Each structure stands twice: as structure tokens, then as C-alpha cells.
Amino acid sequence: MLKPWMIIGGVTFLVALGGLLIRPRDIPWAKHLERPNWLFFEPAIPFIWTAIFTGGAFSALRVWQADPGSMKTWLLMGLYLLLEIVTTAYIPGTLRSRSLVVGKVLGASGLLLGILLTISVSFIDQWAAILLLPYVLWSPIGTYATEQMIQLNPDEA
């Protein structure tokens, strides 16, 4: 029988793979974009997001274990899933549309969803909320970086 941690971890992993849905022809567009000077840590970003998604999966597991199978818990699982889909859609959405504004909208949407989810789960399990704080703290950095890239690349907005 599948355990909740297996299902939550598997769904998290499968959705995260959606970030790989990029077309090779879109990569040159992204490579030519100017980036802010302070974005020197860009190679570490995939590792940062891996840690954030892992925290999110553990947060979801704690919420599930607090009240397994209730309607409230299922709704929160849907919100976790929506947050990960919006977050994972950033790269393929921005590349396919060739629009930094799409990335900014996805980033800002993820931030709002992350805050909503963190507040919602804080009433159920404090540690579940704490495990979402890296998302809430990191997401604005990505959204701000995208805004800075819009300023540096106005023709690619």
C-alpha cells in the first residue's frame, strides 16, 4: 500500500519535472537576456528550488497527517499542488512566450499563493507553516529578479 509520504513525494517530483518542458529553440532567447549584476548565484537556483520543494512536500505531509482525508485537507493539498504548478510553470511559460512579463506574473502569483497557503496551514500545524517560509522568502527574490530583467531587457518584456 502506498504511504502518504510516497504519494506526496511522487507528485512533488512529477510536477517539478514539468520545469523541464522547455524547447531547445527557446534557450538562445533566454541566454541573450541581460541579468542584474547581483544575480551571481544563478547556477545555484535549481538547488535552492529543490530544497524549497522538499520543504513544501514535508509541509504537505504534516498537514495530511494532522487531519488525513478531510475535505479541508484535500483543499489544502490542491493549493499545494497549484502552488507547485504555478512555480514550475515559470521557466517553460517565460521561455515559450518569450515574455518576461509572463514570468513576473507567474512569480507574483506564486508568492501570493505561497503566503495564502502558509497562513492557512499555520492554523493546522506550525511546523508545516515554517517549512513553507523558504518559499515565501525566496519567491519575491525571483520575482524581483524578473522585474529587474524587464528593466534591462525592455524589448523582451
N, C-alpha and C. Protein backbone atom coordinates (compact mmCIF):
# COMPACT_ATOMS: atom_id res chain seq x y z
N MET A 1 0.84 -1.19 0.00
CA MET A 1 0.00 0.00 0.00
C MET A 1 0.89 1.25 0.00
N LEU A 2 0.47 2.22 -0.77
CA LEU A 2 1.24 3.46 -0.83
C LEU A 2 1.01 4.29 0.43
N LYS A 3 2.08 4.80 0.95
CA LYS A 3 2.03 5.66 2.13
C LYS A 3 1.86 7.11 1.67
N PRO A 4 1.29 7.96 2.53
CA PRO A 4 1.11 9.37 2.15
C PRO A 4 2.41 10.04 1.71
N TRP A 5 3.52 9.75 2.38
CA TRP A 5 4.78 10.39 2.01
C TRP A 5 5.22 9.98 0.61
N MET A 6 4.86 8.76 0.20
CA MET A 6 5.21 8.31 -1.15
C MET A 6 4.40 9.07 -2.21
N ILE A 7 3.13 9.25 -1.93
CA ILE A 7 2.26 9.94 -2.88
C ILE A 7 2.64 11.42 -2.97
N ILE A 8 2.78 12.07 -1.83
CA ILE A 8 3.14 13.49 -1.82
C ILE A 8 4.51 13.70 -2.46
N GLY A 9 5.48 12.88 -2.11
CA GLY A 9 6.81 12.99 -2.70
C GLY A 9 6.79 12.73 -4.20
N GLY A 10 6.03 11.72 -4.61
CA GLY A 10 5.94 11.40 -6.03
C GLY A 10 5.28 12.50 -6.84
N VAL A 11 4.19 13.05 -6.32
CA VAL A 11 3.51 14.14 -7.02
C VAL A 11 4.42 15.36 -7.10
N THR A 12 5.09 15.67 -6.00
CA THR A 12 6.03 16.81 -6.00
C THR A 12 7.10 16.62 -7.05
N PHE A 13 7.67 15.43 -7.11
CA PHE A 13 8.72 15.13 -8.08
C PHE A 13 8.20 15.24 -9.52
N LEU A 14 7.04 14.64 -9.78
CA LEU A 14 6.49 14.66 -11.14
C LEU A 14 6.14 16.07 -11.60
N VAL A 15 5.56 16.86 -10.72
CA VAL A 15 5.23 18.24 -11.10
C VAL A 15 6.51 19.04 -11.33
N ALA A 16 7.51 18.84 -10.48
CA ALA A 16 8.78 19.55 -10.65
C ALA A 16 9.42 19.23 -11.99
N LEU A 17 9.22 18.03 -12.49
CA LEU A 17 9.75 17.67 -13.80
C LEU A 17 9.14 18.52 -14.91
N GLY A 18 7.97 19.09 -14.65
CA GLY A 18 7.33 19.97 -15.63
C GLY A 18 8.19 21.17 -15.98
N GLY A 19 9.09 21.54 -15.09
CA GLY A 19 10.01 22.64 -15.38
C GLY A 19 10.98 22.32 -16.50
N LEU A 20 11.06 21.04 -16.85
CA LEU A 20 11.95 20.63 -17.93
C LEU A 20 11.27 20.69 -19.30
N LEU A 21 10.00 21.11 -19.31
CA LEU A 21 9.26 21.18 -20.57
C LEU A 21 9.65 22.44 -21.36
N ILE A 22 10.91 22.52 -21.66
CA ILE A 22 11.41 23.65 -22.45
C ILE A 22 11.85 23.11 -23.81
N ARG A 23 11.73 23.98 -24.77
CA ARG A 23 12.15 23.61 -26.12
C ARG A 23 13.56 24.14 -26.36
N PRO A 24 14.42 23.33 -26.96
CA PRO A 24 15.79 23.79 -27.22
C PRO A 24 15.83 25.12 -27.98
N ARG A 25 14.86 25.36 -28.85
CA ARG A 25 14.89 26.61 -29.62
C ARG A 25 14.61 27.84 -28.77
N ASP A 26 14.09 27.64 -27.54
CA ASP A 26 13.82 28.78 -26.66
C ASP A 26 15.03 29.19 -25.82
N ILE A 27 15.99 28.32 -25.71
CA ILE A 27 17.15 28.57 -24.84
C ILE A 27 17.99 29.75 -25.32
N PRO A 28 18.28 29.89 -26.62
CA PRO A 28 19.09 31.05 -27.05
C PRO A 28 18.45 32.39 -26.67
N TRP A 29 17.10 32.45 -26.71
CA TRP A 29 16.43 33.69 -26.32
C TRP A 29 16.77 34.03 -24.87
N ALA A 30 16.70 33.04 -24.01
CA ALA A 30 16.97 33.27 -22.59
C ALA A 30 18.43 33.60 -22.33
N LYS A 31 19.33 32.96 -23.07
CA LYS A 31 20.76 33.18 -22.84
C LYS A 31 21.19 34.60 -23.18
N HIS A 32 20.53 35.22 -24.14
CA HIS A 32 20.97 36.56 -24.54
C HIS A 32 20.44 37.67 -23.62
N LEU A 33 19.54 37.33 -22.69
CA LEU A 33 18.97 38.34 -21.81
C LEU A 33 20.00 38.88 -20.83
N GLU A 34 19.97 40.18 -20.63
CA GLU A 34 20.79 40.81 -19.60
C GLU A 34 20.23 40.43 -18.23
N ARG A 35 21.12 40.20 -17.29
CA ARG A 35 20.72 39.86 -15.94
C ARG A 35 21.30 40.88 -14.97
N PRO A 36 20.62 41.08 -13.83
CA PRO A 36 21.18 42.03 -12.84
C PRO A 36 22.54 41.53 -12.34
N ASN A 37 23.42 42.45 -12.06
CA ASN A 37 24.76 42.09 -11.56
C ASN A 37 24.71 41.28 -10.28
N TRP A 38 23.72 41.53 -9.44
CA TRP A 38 23.64 40.84 -8.16
C TRP A 38 23.18 39.39 -8.30
N LEU A 39 22.82 38.96 -9.49
CA LEU A 39 22.32 37.59 -9.72
C LEU A 39 23.47 36.64 -10.00
N PHE A 40 24.56 36.78 -9.27
CA PHE A 40 25.75 35.95 -9.47
C PHE A 40 25.52 34.50 -9.04
N PHE A 41 24.51 34.24 -8.25
CA PHE A 41 24.25 32.90 -7.72
C PHE A 41 23.29 32.10 -8.60
N GLU A 42 23.05 32.55 -9.81
CA GLU A 42 22.09 31.89 -10.70
C GLU A 42 22.33 30.38 -10.86
N PRO A 43 23.57 29.89 -10.94
CA PRO A 43 23.76 28.44 -11.05
C PRO A 43 23.24 27.65 -9.85
N ALA A 44 23.09 28.29 -8.70
CA ALA A 44 22.60 27.60 -7.51
C ALA A 44 21.08 27.55 -7.44
N ILE A 45 20.40 28.28 -8.29
CA ILE A 45 18.94 28.39 -8.20
C ILE A 45 18.23 27.03 -8.30
N PRO A 46 18.62 26.12 -9.19
CA PRO A 46 17.93 24.81 -9.19
C PRO A 46 18.06 24.06 -7.86
N PHE A 47 19.19 24.19 -7.20
CA PHE A 47 19.39 23.53 -5.91
C PHE A 47 18.53 24.20 -4.82
N ILE A 48 18.44 25.52 -4.91
CA ILE A 48 17.61 26.27 -3.96
C ILE A 48 16.15 25.84 -4.10
N TRP A 49 15.66 25.77 -5.34
CA TRP A 49 14.27 25.37 -5.55
C TRP A 49 14.04 23.92 -5.16
N THR A 50 15.03 23.06 -5.34
CA THR A 50 14.88 21.67 -4.90
C THR A 50 14.67 21.62 -3.39
N ALA A 51 15.45 22.39 -2.66
CA ALA A 51 15.29 22.44 -1.20
C ALA A 51 13.92 23.02 -0.82
N ILE A 52 13.49 24.04 -1.54
CA ILE A 52 12.19 24.65 -1.24
C ILE A 52 11.05 23.68 -1.52
N PHE A 53 11.12 22.97 -2.66
CA PHE A 53 10.07 21.98 -2.97
C PHE A 53 10.08 20.84 -1.96
N THR A 54 11.26 20.46 -1.49
CA THR A 54 11.35 19.40 -0.47
C THR A 54 10.66 19.86 0.81
N GLY A 55 10.93 21.09 1.21
CA GLY A 55 10.25 21.65 2.39
C GLY A 55 8.75 21.70 2.20
N GLY A 56 8.32 22.06 1.00
CA GLY A 56 6.89 22.08 0.70
C GLY A 56 6.26 20.70 0.81
N ALA A 57 6.97 19.68 0.33
CA ALA A 57 6.45 18.32 0.40
C ALA A 57 6.34 17.87 1.86
N PHE A 58 7.34 18.18 2.68
CA PHE A 58 7.26 17.83 4.10
C PHE A 58 6.14 18.60 4.80
N SER A 59 5.95 19.85 4.38
CA SER A 59 4.85 20.64 4.93
C SER A 59 3.51 19.98 4.59
N ALA A 60 3.34 19.59 3.34
CA ALA A 60 2.10 18.93 2.91
C ALA A 60 1.88 17.64 3.69
N LEU A 61 2.93 16.90 3.90
CA LEU A 61 2.83 15.65 4.64
C LEU A 61 2.36 15.90 6.08
N ARG A 62 2.90 16.93 6.71
CA ARG A 62 2.49 17.26 8.09
C ARG A 62 1.01 17.65 8.12
N VAL A 63 0.57 18.41 7.14
CA VAL A 63 -0.84 18.81 7.08
C VAL A 63 -1.71 17.57 6.87
N TRP A 64 -1.29 16.69 5.97
CA TRP A 64 -2.06 15.47 5.73
C TRP A 64 -2.15 14.63 7.00
N GLN A 65 -1.05 14.49 7.70
CA GLN A 65 -1.03 13.66 8.91
C GLN A 65 -1.86 14.27 10.04
N ALA A 66 -2.04 15.58 10.03
CA ALA A 66 -2.82 16.24 11.08
C ALA A 66 -4.31 15.93 10.95
N ASP A 67 -4.79 15.75 9.72
CA ASP A 67 -6.23 15.51 9.51
C ASP A 67 -6.40 14.77 8.18
N PRO A 68 -5.96 13.51 8.11
CA PRO A 68 -5.94 12.78 6.84
C PRO A 68 -7.32 12.60 6.23
N GLY A 69 -7.43 12.96 4.96
CA GLY A 69 -8.63 12.67 4.18
C GLY A 69 -9.80 13.61 4.36
N SER A 70 -9.68 14.63 5.23
CA SER A 70 -10.81 15.55 5.40
C SER A 70 -10.92 16.47 4.18
N MET A 71 -12.08 17.04 4.01
CA MET A 71 -12.30 17.97 2.89
C MET A 71 -11.32 19.15 2.98
N LYS A 72 -11.12 19.67 4.18
CA LYS A 72 -10.19 20.80 4.37
C LYS A 72 -8.78 20.40 3.93
N THR A 73 -8.36 19.20 4.32
CA THR A 73 -7.02 18.74 3.98
C THR A 73 -6.89 18.55 2.47
N TRP A 74 -7.92 17.99 1.83
CA TRP A 74 -7.87 17.82 0.38
C TRP A 74 -7.79 19.18 -0.32
N LEU A 75 -8.53 20.16 0.17
CA LEU A 75 -8.45 21.50 -0.43
C LEU A 75 -7.05 22.09 -0.28
N LEU A 76 -6.45 21.88 0.88
CA LEU A 76 -5.09 22.37 1.08
C LEU A 76 -4.10 21.62 0.18
N MET A 77 -4.30 20.33 -0.02
CA MET A 77 -3.44 19.56 -0.94
C MET A 77 -3.56 20.14 -2.35
N GLY A 78 -4.79 20.53 -2.72
CA GLY A 78 -4.98 21.17 -4.02
C GLY A 78 -4.24 22.49 -4.12
N LEU A 79 -4.21 23.24 -3.02
CA LEU A 79 -3.48 24.51 -3.01
C LEU A 79 -1.97 24.28 -3.08
N TYR A 80 -1.47 23.26 -2.38
CA TYR A 80 -0.05 22.89 -2.51
C TYR A 80 0.26 22.56 -3.98
N LEU A 81 -0.60 21.76 -4.59
CA LEU A 81 -0.39 21.36 -5.99
C LEU A 81 -0.42 22.58 -6.92
N LEU A 82 -1.40 23.44 -6.74
CA LEU A 82 -1.49 24.65 -7.57
C LEU A 82 -0.24 25.51 -7.41
N LEU A 83 0.22 25.67 -6.19
CA LEU A 83 1.43 26.47 -5.95
C LEU A 83 2.63 25.87 -6.69
N GLU A 84 2.78 24.57 -6.63
CA GLU A 84 3.93 23.96 -7.31
C GLU A 84 3.78 24.07 -8.82
N ILE A 85 2.57 23.92 -9.35
CA ILE A 85 2.37 24.03 -10.79
C ILE A 85 2.69 25.45 -11.26
N VAL A 86 2.20 26.45 -10.55
CA VAL A 86 2.48 27.85 -10.92
C VAL A 86 3.99 28.12 -10.86
N THR A 87 4.63 27.64 -9.82
CA THR A 87 6.07 27.86 -9.66
C THR A 87 6.85 27.16 -10.77
N THR A 88 6.50 25.92 -11.03
CA THR A 88 7.20 25.14 -12.05
C THR A 88 6.95 25.69 -13.45
N ALA A 89 5.82 26.34 -13.65
CA ALA A 89 5.48 26.89 -14.97
C ALA A 89 6.31 28.12 -15.32
N TYR A 90 7.02 28.69 -14.36
CA TYR A 90 7.77 29.93 -14.60
C TYR A 90 8.72 29.79 -15.79
N ILE A 91 9.59 28.81 -15.77
CA ILE A 91 10.61 28.70 -16.83
C ILE A 91 9.98 28.35 -18.18
N PRO A 92 9.21 27.26 -18.28
CA PRO A 92 8.65 26.97 -19.61
C PRO A 92 7.68 28.05 -20.08
N GLY A 93 6.93 28.64 -19.16
CA GLY A 93 5.99 29.70 -19.55
C GLY A 93 6.70 30.93 -20.07
N THR A 94 7.76 31.33 -19.38
CA THR A 94 8.52 32.51 -19.81
C THR A 94 9.23 32.23 -21.14
N LEU A 95 9.84 31.07 -21.25
CA LEU A 95 10.58 30.76 -22.48
C LEU A 95 9.66 30.61 -23.68
N ARG A 96 8.57 29.87 -23.52
CA ARG A 96 7.68 29.65 -24.67
C ARG A 96 7.01 30.93 -25.13
N SER A 97 6.65 31.78 -24.18
CA SER A 97 6.01 33.04 -24.55
C SER A 97 7.03 34.10 -24.94
N ARG A 98 8.29 33.83 -24.58
CA ARG A 98 9.36 34.81 -24.78
C ARG A 98 8.98 36.17 -24.21
N SER A 99 8.44 36.08 -22.99
CA SER A 99 7.96 37.28 -22.33
C SER A 99 8.34 37.23 -20.86
N LEU A 100 9.13 38.19 -20.43
CA LEU A 100 9.50 38.27 -19.02
C LEU A 100 8.30 38.66 -18.16
N VAL A 101 7.33 39.35 -18.75
CA VAL A 101 6.13 39.72 -18.00
C VAL A 101 5.37 38.46 -17.57
N VAL A 102 5.33 37.45 -18.44
CA VAL A 102 4.69 36.18 -18.06
C VAL A 102 5.39 35.61 -16.83
N GLY A 103 6.72 35.64 -16.81
CA GLY A 103 7.46 35.16 -15.66
C GLY A 103 7.16 35.97 -14.41
N LYS A 104 7.06 37.27 -14.56
CA LYS A 104 6.76 38.14 -13.42
C LYS A 104 5.37 37.83 -12.87
N VAL A 105 4.40 37.64 -13.74
CA VAL A 105 3.04 37.33 -13.30
C VAL A 105 3.01 35.97 -12.60
N LEU A 106 3.69 34.98 -13.16
CA LEU A 106 3.74 33.67 -12.52
C LEU A 106 4.45 33.75 -11.16
N GLY A 107 5.55 34.50 -11.09
CA GLY A 107 6.27 34.66 -9.84
C GLY A 107 5.42 35.35 -8.78
N ALA A 108 4.75 36.42 -9.16
CA ALA A 108 3.90 37.15 -8.21
C ALA A 108 2.71 36.29 -7.78
N SER A 109 2.15 35.53 -8.72
CA SER A 109 1.04 34.64 -8.38
C SER A 109 1.50 33.57 -7.39
N GLY A 110 2.68 33.02 -7.63
CA GLY A 110 3.22 32.03 -6.71
C GLY A 110 3.45 32.61 -5.33
N LEU A 111 3.93 33.83 -5.27
CA LEU A 111 4.15 34.47 -3.98
C LEU A 111 2.83 34.62 -3.22
N LEU A 112 1.81 35.10 -3.91
CA LEU A 112 0.51 35.26 -3.25
C LEU A 112 -0.06 33.92 -2.79
N LEU A 113 0.03 32.91 -3.65
CA LEU A 113 -0.44 31.58 -3.26
C LEU A 113 0.37 31.03 -2.09
N GLY A 114 1.68 31.26 -2.10
CA GLY A 114 2.54 30.79 -1.02
C GLY A 114 2.18 31.43 0.31
N ILE A 115 1.90 32.72 0.29
CA ILE A 115 1.50 33.41 1.52
C ILE A 115 0.16 32.88 2.00
N LEU A 116 -0.79 32.73 1.09
CA LEU A 116 -2.11 32.19 1.44
C LEU A 116 -1.99 30.80 2.04
N LEU A 117 -1.19 29.95 1.42
CA LEU A 117 -1.01 28.59 1.92
C LEU A 117 -0.33 28.58 3.28
N THR A 118 0.69 29.40 3.44
CA THR A 118 1.40 29.45 4.72
C THR A 118 0.47 29.89 5.85
N ILE A 119 -0.32 30.91 5.60
CA ILE A 119 -1.27 31.37 6.62
C ILE A 119 -2.30 30.27 6.90
N SER A 120 -2.81 29.64 5.86
CA SER A 120 -3.83 28.60 6.03
C SER A 120 -3.33 27.42 6.85
N VAL A 121 -2.12 26.95 6.56
CA VAL A 121 -1.64 25.78 7.28
C VAL A 121 -1.13 26.13 8.67
N SER A 122 -0.87 27.40 8.94
CA SER A 122 -0.38 27.78 10.27
C SER A 122 -1.41 27.48 11.35
N PHE A 123 -2.69 27.42 10.98
CA PHE A 123 -3.74 27.10 11.94
C PHE A 123 -3.82 25.60 12.22
N ILE A 124 -3.19 24.81 11.36
CA ILE A 124 -3.23 23.36 11.49
C ILE A 124 -1.96 22.82 12.13
N ASP A 125 -0.80 23.30 11.64
CA ASP A 125 0.47 22.79 12.13
C ASP A 125 1.52 23.88 11.94
N GLN A 126 2.09 24.36 13.03
CA GLN A 126 3.08 25.44 12.96
C GLN A 126 4.30 25.04 12.14
N TRP A 127 4.76 23.79 12.29
CA TRP A 127 5.93 23.35 11.54
C TRP A 127 5.64 23.29 10.04
N ALA A 128 4.42 22.96 9.68
CA ALA A 128 4.05 22.96 8.27
C ALA A 128 4.19 24.37 7.69
N ALA A 129 3.79 25.35 8.46
CA ALA A 129 3.92 26.75 8.02
C ALA A 129 5.39 27.16 7.96
N ILE A 130 6.17 26.76 8.96
CA ILE A 130 7.59 27.10 8.97
C ILE A 130 8.31 26.49 7.77
N LEU A 131 7.91 25.29 7.39
CA LEU A 131 8.54 24.63 6.23
C LEU A 131 8.22 25.35 4.92
N LEU A 132 7.19 26.18 4.91
CA LEU A 132 6.85 26.97 3.72
C LEU A 132 7.54 28.34 3.70
N LEU A 133 8.13 28.74 4.81
CA LEU A 133 8.77 30.06 4.86
C LEU A 133 9.89 30.24 3.83
N PRO A 134 10.72 29.22 3.56
CA PRO A 134 11.72 29.43 2.50
C PRO A 134 11.08 29.82 1.16
N TYR A 135 9.93 29.25 0.85
CA TYR A 135 9.23 29.63 -0.39
C TYR A 135 8.82 31.10 -0.32
N VAL A 136 8.20 31.48 0.78
CA VAL A 136 7.70 32.84 0.93
C VAL A 136 8.85 33.86 0.93
N LEU A 137 10.01 33.46 1.42
CA LEU A 137 11.16 34.37 1.44
C LEU A 137 11.91 34.40 0.11
N TRP A 138 11.98 33.27 -0.58
CA TRP A 138 12.75 33.19 -1.82
C TRP A 138 11.95 33.68 -3.03
N SER A 139 10.67 33.40 -3.06
CA SER A 139 9.84 33.75 -4.22
C SER A 139 9.91 35.23 -4.59
N PRO A 140 9.89 36.15 -3.63
CA PRO A 140 10.00 37.56 -4.02
C PRO A 140 11.33 37.89 -4.67
N ILE A 141 12.38 37.16 -4.31
CA ILE A 141 13.69 37.41 -4.93
C ILE A 141 13.63 37.09 -6.42
N GLY A 142 13.01 35.95 -6.75
CA GLY A 142 12.86 35.58 -8.15
C GLY A 142 11.98 36.56 -8.91
N THR A 143 10.91 36.99 -8.28
CA THR A 143 10.01 37.95 -8.93
C THR A 143 10.71 39.29 -9.13
N TYR A 144 11.47 39.70 -8.14
CA TYR A 144 12.22 40.95 -8.25
C TYR A 144 13.30 40.83 -9.33
N ALA A 145 13.97 39.69 -9.39
CA ALA A 145 14.99 39.49 -10.43
C ALA A 145 14.35 39.58 -11.82
N THR A 146 13.16 39.02 -11.95
CA THR A 146 12.46 39.09 -13.24
C THR A 146 12.10 40.54 -13.57
N GLU A 147 11.65 41.29 -12.58
CA GLU A 147 11.36 42.71 -12.80
C GLU A 147 12.61 43.46 -13.22
N GLN A 148 13.73 43.18 -12.59
CA GLN A 148 14.99 43.81 -12.96
C GLN A 148 15.38 43.44 -14.40
N MET A 149 15.13 42.19 -14.77
CA MET A 149 15.44 41.75 -16.14
C MET A 149 14.54 42.47 -17.14
N ILE A 150 13.31 42.77 -16.77
CA ILE A 150 12.41 43.53 -17.64
C ILE A 150 13.01 44.92 -17.87
N GLN A 151 13.53 45.53 -16.80
CA GLN A 151 14.14 46.85 -16.93
C GLN A 151 15.39 46.81 -17.81
N LEU A 152 16.16 45.73 -17.71
CA LEU A 152 17.38 45.59 -18.50
C LEU A 152 17.12 45.15 -19.94
N ASN A 153 15.96 44.53 -20.17
CA ASN A 153 15.61 43.99 -21.49
C ASN A 153 14.21 44.44 -21.88
N PRO A 154 13.98 45.73 -22.03
CA PRO A 154 12.60 46.21 -22.28
C PRO A 154 11.97 45.63 -23.55
N ASP A 155 12.77 45.26 -24.52
CA ASP A 155 12.19 44.69 -25.74
C ASP A 155 11.72 43.25 -25.56
N GLU A 156 12.09 42.63 -24.45
CA GLU A 156 11.74 41.24 -24.19
C GLU A 156 10.64 41.12 -23.11
N ALA A 157 10.08 42.25 -22.74
CA ALA A 157 9.05 42.23 -21.70
C ALA A 157 7.81 41.54 -22.21
